[in-house]
Amino acid sequence: DLTVQIADALADGYANELVDGNPGADTIIINAKGNAKLLDFGLAKWTSAGKGRPAPDHQGDIAALGNVLYEMLTGRLPDRTATPSDLDAHLPKELDAIVQRTQSPYLNEQYQVSATLAAELRSVAAILDVRAKTASEVAVAAPKGARTQEALVWIAAIATIAAFAWLLWTVSKIK
């Protein structure tokens, strides 16, 4: 969520023809309400790309934001040889592709605008929300299923005992 907020702030700056100039841990704060804020837009420079066209500095800002995302996820500096989920199996693999795209050395693979990065992060968040809801529903249903299975075992045991008792009774009547 914090990375989405920062990407949105970058997109707003770009819409006003500003470039942040490498957002990083020293230029991002989390306010008392838990929202991310960029500190150095006051020192931002005007772009020459014009509205609607990404300036080359935009990719630099997005790569810098990708570095911040990598650090937030892993607690480590970015490492092109290890994805976030390689370092922490609890992290969703869906984030790996996003982080790798922010770090790509190839211009055609990079995010062209931060709004796209924010949109993809929102998509992953929605997927994770659905996955979490499904997992919690399964967790709640599991005890009920376990009780049903236990009840079936008891019914089978009682039926077996009853059948055995009937068989003994029938055999004893024949003699």
C-alpha atoms as a PDB file:
ATOM      1  CA  ASP A   1       0.000   0.000   0.000  1.00  0.00           C
ATOM      2  CA  LEU A   2       2.831   2.409   0.806  1.00  0.00           C
ATOM      3  CA  THR A   3       4.479   1.772  -2.550  1.00  0.00           C
ATOM      4  CA  VAL A   4       1.144   2.405  -4.290  1.00  0.00           C
ATOM      5  CA  GLN A   5       0.860   5.738  -2.474  1.00  0.00           C
ATOM      6  CA  ILE A   6       4.380   6.737  -3.517  1.00  0.00           C
ATOM      7  CA  ALA A   7       3.806   5.647  -7.130  1.00  0.00           C
ATOM      8  CA  ASP A   8       0.593   7.693  -7.164  1.00  0.00           C
ATOM      9  CA  ALA A   9       2.478  10.716  -5.808  1.00  0.00           C
ATOM     10  CA  LEU A  10       5.084  10.316  -8.557  1.00  0.00           C
ATOM     11  CA  ALA A  11       2.307  10.070 -11.156  1.00  0.00           C
ATOM     12  CA  ASP A  12       0.774  13.296  -9.821  1.00  0.00           C
ATOM     13  CA  GLY A  13       4.160  14.986 -10.035  1.00  0.00           C
ATOM     14  CA  TYR A  14       4.667  13.773 -13.594  1.00  0.00           C
ATOM     15  CA  ALA A  15       1.216  15.055 -14.518  1.00  0.00           C
ATOM     16  CA  ASN A  16       2.475  18.473 -13.400  1.00  0.00           C
ATOM     17  CA  GLU A  17       5.713  17.971 -15.343  1.00  0.00           C
ATOM     18  CA  LEU A  18       7.827  17.417 -12.218  1.00  0.00           C
ATOM     19  CA  VAL A  19      10.367  14.680 -11.606  1.00  0.00           C
ATOM     20  CA  ASP A  20      11.101  13.645  -8.052  1.00  0.00           C
ATOM     21  CA  GLY A  21      14.747  12.796  -8.563  1.00  0.00           C
ATOM     22  CA  ASN A  22      15.196   9.338  -7.043  1.00  0.00           C
ATOM     23  CA  PRO A  23      12.743   8.651  -4.237  1.00  0.00           C
ATOM     24  CA  GLY A  24      14.446   6.722  -1.482  1.00  0.00           C
ATOM     25  CA  ALA A  25      14.404   5.949   2.205  1.00  0.00           C
ATOM     26  CA  ASP A  26      15.767   9.423   2.939  1.00  0.00           C
ATOM     27  CA  THR A  27      13.025  11.187   0.941  1.00  0.00           C
ATOM     28  CA  ILE A  28       9.977   9.173   2.009  1.00  0.00           C
ATOM     29  CA  ILE A  29       8.248   9.473   5.353  1.00  0.00           C
ATOM     30  CA  ILE A  30       5.243   7.760   6.858  1.00  0.00           C
ATOM     31  CA  ASN A  31       3.040  10.299   8.616  1.00  0.00           C
ATOM     32  CA  ALA A  32       1.064   9.785  11.825  1.00  0.00           C
ATOM     33  CA  LYS A  33      -1.930   8.516   9.823  1.00  0.00           C
ATOM     34  CA  GLY A  34       0.231   5.819   8.188  1.00  0.00           C
ATOM     35  CA  ASN A  35       0.379   7.486   4.778  1.00  0.00           C
ATOM     36  CA  ALA A  36       3.537   7.730   2.664  1.00  0.00           C
ATOM     37  CA  LYS A  37       4.754  11.199   1.732  1.00  0.00           C
ATOM     38  CA  LEU A  38       7.533  12.301  -0.620  1.00  0.00           C
ATOM     39  CA  LEU A  39       9.645  15.032   0.915  1.00  0.00           C
ATOM     40  CA  ASP A  40      11.653  16.421  -1.938  1.00  0.00           C
ATOM     41  CA  PHE A  41       9.129  17.463  -4.559  1.00  0.00           C
ATOM     42  CA  GLY A  42       9.979  20.996  -3.474  1.00  0.00           C
ATOM     43  CA  LEU A  43      13.406  20.390  -5.002  1.00  0.00           C
ATOM     44  CA  ALA A  44      11.985  18.643  -8.062  1.00  0.00           C
ATOM     45  CA  LYS A  45      12.951  19.745 -11.526  1.00  0.00           C
ATOM     46  CA  TRP A  46      10.727  20.525 -14.460  1.00  0.00           C
ATOM     47  CA  THR A  47      10.675  17.869 -17.167  1.00  0.00           C
ATOM     48  CA  SER A  48      11.079  18.607 -20.824  1.00  0.00           C
ATOM     49  CA  ALA A  49       9.042  15.656 -22.005  1.00  0.00           C
ATOM     50  CA  GLY A  50       5.711  17.413 -22.034  1.00  0.00           C
ATOM     51  CA  LYS A  51       2.419  16.106 -20.738  1.00  0.00           C
ATOM     52  CA  GLY A  52       1.576  12.515 -21.485  1.00  0.00           C
ATOM     53  CA  ARG A  53       5.105  11.468 -22.490  1.00  0.00           C
ATOM     54  CA  PRO A  54       7.433   9.910 -19.928  1.00  0.00           C
ATOM     55  CA  ALA A  55      10.749  11.664 -19.448  1.00  0.00           C
ATOM     56  CA  PRO A  56      13.865   9.498 -19.124  1.00  0.00           C
ATOM     57  CA  ASP A  57      14.069  10.506 -15.448  1.00  0.00           C
ATOM     58  CA  HIS A  58      10.717   8.811 -14.846  1.00  0.00           C
ATOM     59  CA  GLN A  59      12.328   5.382 -15.292  1.00  0.00           C
ATOM     60  CA  GLY A  60      15.029   6.447 -12.819  1.00  0.00           C
ATOM     61  CA  ASP A  61      12.382   7.397 -10.266  1.00  0.00           C
ATOM     62  CA  ILE A  62      10.501   4.137 -10.851  1.00  0.00           C
ATOM     63  CA  ALA A  63      13.710   2.087 -10.502  1.00  0.00           C
ATOM     64  CA  ALA A  64      14.487   3.941  -7.264  1.00  0.00           C
ATOM     65  CA  LEU A  65      10.966   3.191  -6.014  1.00  0.00           C
ATOM     66  CA  GLY A  66      11.537  -0.460  -6.982  1.00  0.00           C
ATOM     67  CA  ASN A  67      14.654  -0.415  -4.783  1.00  0.00           C
ATOM     68  CA  VAL A  68      12.575   0.901  -1.888  1.00  0.00           C
ATOM     69  CA  LEU A  69       9.933  -1.785  -2.482  1.00  0.00           C
ATOM     70  CA  TYR A  70      12.612  -4.505  -2.520  1.00  0.00           C
ATOM     71  CA  GLU A  71      14.030  -3.207   0.773  1.00  0.00           C
ATOM     72  CA  MET A  72      10.579  -2.982   2.375  1.00  0.00           C
ATOM     73  CA  LEU A  73       9.834  -6.582   1.381  1.00  0.00           C
ATOM     74  CA  THR A  74      13.186  -8.132   2.270  1.00  0.00           C
ATOM     75  CA  GLY A  75      14.989  -5.788   4.643  1.00  0.00           C
ATOM     76  CA  ARG A  76      17.959  -5.936   2.241  1.00  0.00           C
ATOM     77  CA  LEU A  77      19.412  -3.850  -0.531  1.00  0.00           C
ATOM     78  CA  PRO A  78      18.252  -4.931  -3.986  1.00  0.00           C
ATOM     79  CA  ASP A  79      19.981  -7.976  -5.425  1.00  0.00           C
ATOM     80  CA  ARG A  80      19.300  -8.853  -9.068  1.00  0.00           C
ATOM     81  CA  THR A  81      20.159 -12.501  -8.382  1.00  0.00           C
ATOM     82  CA  ALA A  82      17.459 -13.026  -5.747  1.00  0.00           C
ATOM     83  CA  THR A  83      13.778 -12.187  -5.923  1.00  0.00           C
ATOM     84  CA  PRO A  84      11.944 -11.125  -2.771  1.00  0.00           C
ATOM     85  CA  SER A  85      10.212 -14.524  -2.494  1.00  0.00           C
ATOM     86  CA  ASP A  86      13.607 -16.248  -2.839  1.00  0.00           C
ATOM     87  CA  LEU A  87      14.650 -14.454   0.341  1.00  0.00           C
ATOM     88  CA  ASP A  88      11.358 -14.909   2.189  1.00  0.00           C
ATOM     89  CA  ALA A  89       9.086 -17.791   1.222  1.00  0.00           C
ATOM     90  CA  HIS A  90       6.148 -16.031   2.925  1.00  0.00           C
ATOM     91  CA  LEU A  91       6.168 -13.256   0.316  1.00  0.00           C
ATOM     92  CA  PRO A  92       3.746 -13.697  -2.575  1.00  0.00           C
ATOM     93  CA  LYS A  93       5.474 -14.638  -5.822  1.00  0.00           C
ATOM     94  CA  GLU A  94       3.239 -12.167  -7.675  1.00  0.00           C
ATOM     95  CA  LEU A  95       5.411  -9.359  -6.307  1.00  0.00           C
ATOM     96  CA  ASP A  96       8.585 -10.818  -7.847  1.00  0.00           C
ATOM     97  CA  ALA A  97       7.602  -9.894 -11.406  1.00  0.00           C
ATOM     98  CA  ILE A  98       6.748  -6.342 -10.359  1.00  0.00           C
ATOM     99  CA  VAL A  99      10.040  -5.863  -8.518  1.00  0.00           C
ATOM    100  CA  GLN A 100      11.991  -7.374 -11.413  1.00  0.00           C
ATOM    101  CA  ARG A 101      10.260  -5.080 -13.881  1.00  0.00           C
ATOM    102  CA  THR A 102      11.255  -2.016 -11.831  1.00  0.00           C
ATOM    103  CA  GLN A 103      14.850  -3.238 -11.926  1.00  0.00           C
ATOM    104  CA  SER A 104      15.039  -4.333 -15.575  1.00  0.00           C
ATOM    105  CA  PRO A 105      18.055  -2.985 -17.466  1.00  0.00           C
ATOM    106  CA  TYR A 106      15.987  -3.068 -20.679  1.00  0.00           C
ATOM    107  CA  LEU A 107      13.931   0.020 -21.425  1.00  0.00           C
ATOM    108  CA  ASN A 108      11.172  -1.956 -23.185  1.00  0.00           C
ATOM    109  CA  GLU A 109      10.652  -4.110 -20.047  1.00  0.00           C
ATOM    110  CA  GLN A 110      10.566  -1.206 -17.576  1.00  0.00           C
ATOM    111  CA  TYR A 111       7.474   0.574 -16.330  1.00  0.00           C
ATOM    112  CA  GLN A 112       7.031   3.655 -18.484  1.00  0.00           C
ATOM    113  CA  VAL A 113       4.873   5.475 -15.939  1.00  0.00           C
ATOM    114  CA  SER A 114       4.467   5.024 -12.212  1.00  0.00           C
ATOM    115  CA  ALA A 115       0.673   4.838 -12.554  1.00  0.00           C
ATOM    116  CA  THR A 116       1.107   1.432 -14.228  1.00  0.00           C
ATOM    117  CA  LEU A 117       3.274   0.265 -11.328  1.00  0.00           C
ATOM    118  CA  ALA A 118       0.602   1.442  -8.877  1.00  0.00           C
ATOM    119  CA  ALA A 119      -2.137  -0.332 -10.871  1.00  0.00           C
ATOM    120  CA  GLU A 120      -0.225  -3.631 -10.911  1.00  0.00           C
ATOM    121  CA  LEU A 121       0.429  -3.400  -7.170  1.00  0.00           C
ATOM    122  CA  ARG A 122      -3.292  -2.791  -6.603  1.00  0.00           C
ATOM    123  CA  SER A 123      -4.073  -5.887  -8.695  1.00  0.00           C
ATOM    124  CA  VAL A 124      -1.731  -8.014  -6.596  1.00  0.00           C
ATOM    125  CA  ALA A 125      -3.292  -6.595  -3.423  1.00  0.00           C
ATOM    126  CA  ALA A 126      -6.756  -7.564  -4.683  1.00  0.00           C
ATOM    127  CA  ILE A 127      -5.553 -11.090  -5.506  1.00  0.00           C
ATOM    128  CA  LEU A 128      -3.998 -11.417  -2.056  1.00  0.00           C
ATOM    129  CA  ASP A 129      -7.213 -10.163  -0.406  1.00  0.00           C
ATOM    130  CA  VAL A 130      -9.268 -12.806  -2.241  1.00  0.00           C
ATOM    131  CA  ARG A 131      -6.697 -15.465  -1.373  1.00  0.00           C
ATOM    132  CA  ALA A 132      -6.753 -14.446   2.306  1.00  0.00           C
ATOM    133  CA  LYS A 133     -10.569 -14.480   2.431  1.00  0.00           C
ATOM    134  CA  THR A 134     -10.659 -17.894   0.780  1.00  0.00           C
ATOM    135  CA  ALA A 135      -8.049 -19.225   3.214  1.00  0.00           C
ATOM    136  CA  SER A 136      -9.982 -17.894   6.209  1.00  0.00           C
ATOM    137  CA  GLU A 137     -13.209 -19.430   4.912  1.00  0.00           C
ATOM    138  CA  VAL A 138     -11.444 -22.773   4.501  1.00  0.00           C
ATOM    139  CA  ALA A 139      -9.971 -22.477   7.991  1.00  0.00           C
ATOM    140  CA  VAL A 140     -13.397 -21.798   9.475  1.00  0.00           C
ATOM    141  CA  ALA A 141     -14.939 -24.661   7.507  1.00  0.00           C
ATOM    142  CA  ALA A 142     -12.216 -27.161   8.431  1.00  0.00           C
ATOM    143  CA  PRO A 143     -13.427 -27.834  11.971  1.00  0.00           C
ATOM    144  CA  LYS A 144     -16.962 -28.419  10.688  1.00  0.00           C
ATOM    145  CA  GLY A 145     -15.584 -30.839   8.093  1.00  0.00           C
ATOM    146  CA  ALA A 146     -13.498 -32.569  10.741  1.00  0.00           C
ATOM    147  CA  ARG A 147     -16.600 -32.963  12.930  1.00  0.00           C
ATOM    148  CA  THR A 148     -18.496 -34.440   9.999  1.00  0.00           C
ATOM    149  CA  GLN A 149     -15.717 -36.917   9.342  1.00  0.00           C
ATOM    150  CA  GLU A 150     -15.582 -37.852  13.042  1.00  0.00           C
ATOM    151  CA  ALA A 151     -19.343 -38.364  13.071  1.00  0.00           C
ATOM    152  CA  LEU A 152     -19.103 -40.624  10.011  1.00  0.00           C
ATOM    153  CA  VAL A 153     -16.440 -42.729  11.742  1.00  0.00           C
ATOM    154  CA  TRP A 154     -18.713 -43.131  14.787  1.00  0.00           C
ATOM    155  CA  ILE A 155     -21.694 -44.025  12.610  1.00  0.00           C
ATOM    156  CA  ALA A 156     -19.607 -46.623  10.760  1.00  0.00           C
ATOM    157  CA  ALA A 157     -18.344 -48.074  14.051  1.00  0.00           C
ATOM    158  CA  ILE A 158     -21.869 -48.299  15.488  1.00  0.00           C
ATOM    159  CA  ALA A 159     -23.178 -49.820  12.246  1.00  0.00           C
ATOM    160  CA  THR A 160     -20.378 -52.400  12.303  1.00  0.00           C
ATOM    161  CA  ILE A 161     -21.103 -53.323  15.936  1.00  0.00           C
ATOM    162  CA  ALA A 162     -24.840 -53.521  15.184  1.00  0.00           C
ATOM    163  CA  ALA A 163     -24.220 -55.736  12.157  1.00  0.00           C
ATOM    164  CA  PHE A 164     -21.926 -57.978  14.169  1.00  0.00           C
ATOM    165  CA  ALA A 165     -24.489 -58.196  16.983  1.00  0.00           C
ATOM    166  CA  TRP A 166     -27.263 -59.042  14.481  1.00  0.00           C
ATOM    167  CA  LEU A 167     -25.015 -61.714  12.934  1.00  0.00           C
ATOM    168  CA  LEU A 168     -24.333 -63.259  16.342  1.00  0.00           C
ATOM    169  CA  TRP A 169     -28.033 -63.164  17.204  1.00  0.00           C
ATOM    170  CA  THR A 170     -28.958 -64.742  13.852  1.00  0.00           C
ATOM    171  CA  VAL A 171     -26.333 -67.509  14.207  1.00  0.00           C
ATOM    172  CA  SER A 172     -27.450 -68.256  17.777  1.00  0.00           C
ATOM    173  CA  LYS A 173     -31.124 -68.565  16.639  1.00  0.00           C
ATOM    174  CA  ILE A 174     -30.180 -71.059  13.898  1.00  0.00           C
ATOM    175  CA  LYS A 175     -28.606 -73.473  16.352  1.00  0.00           C
END
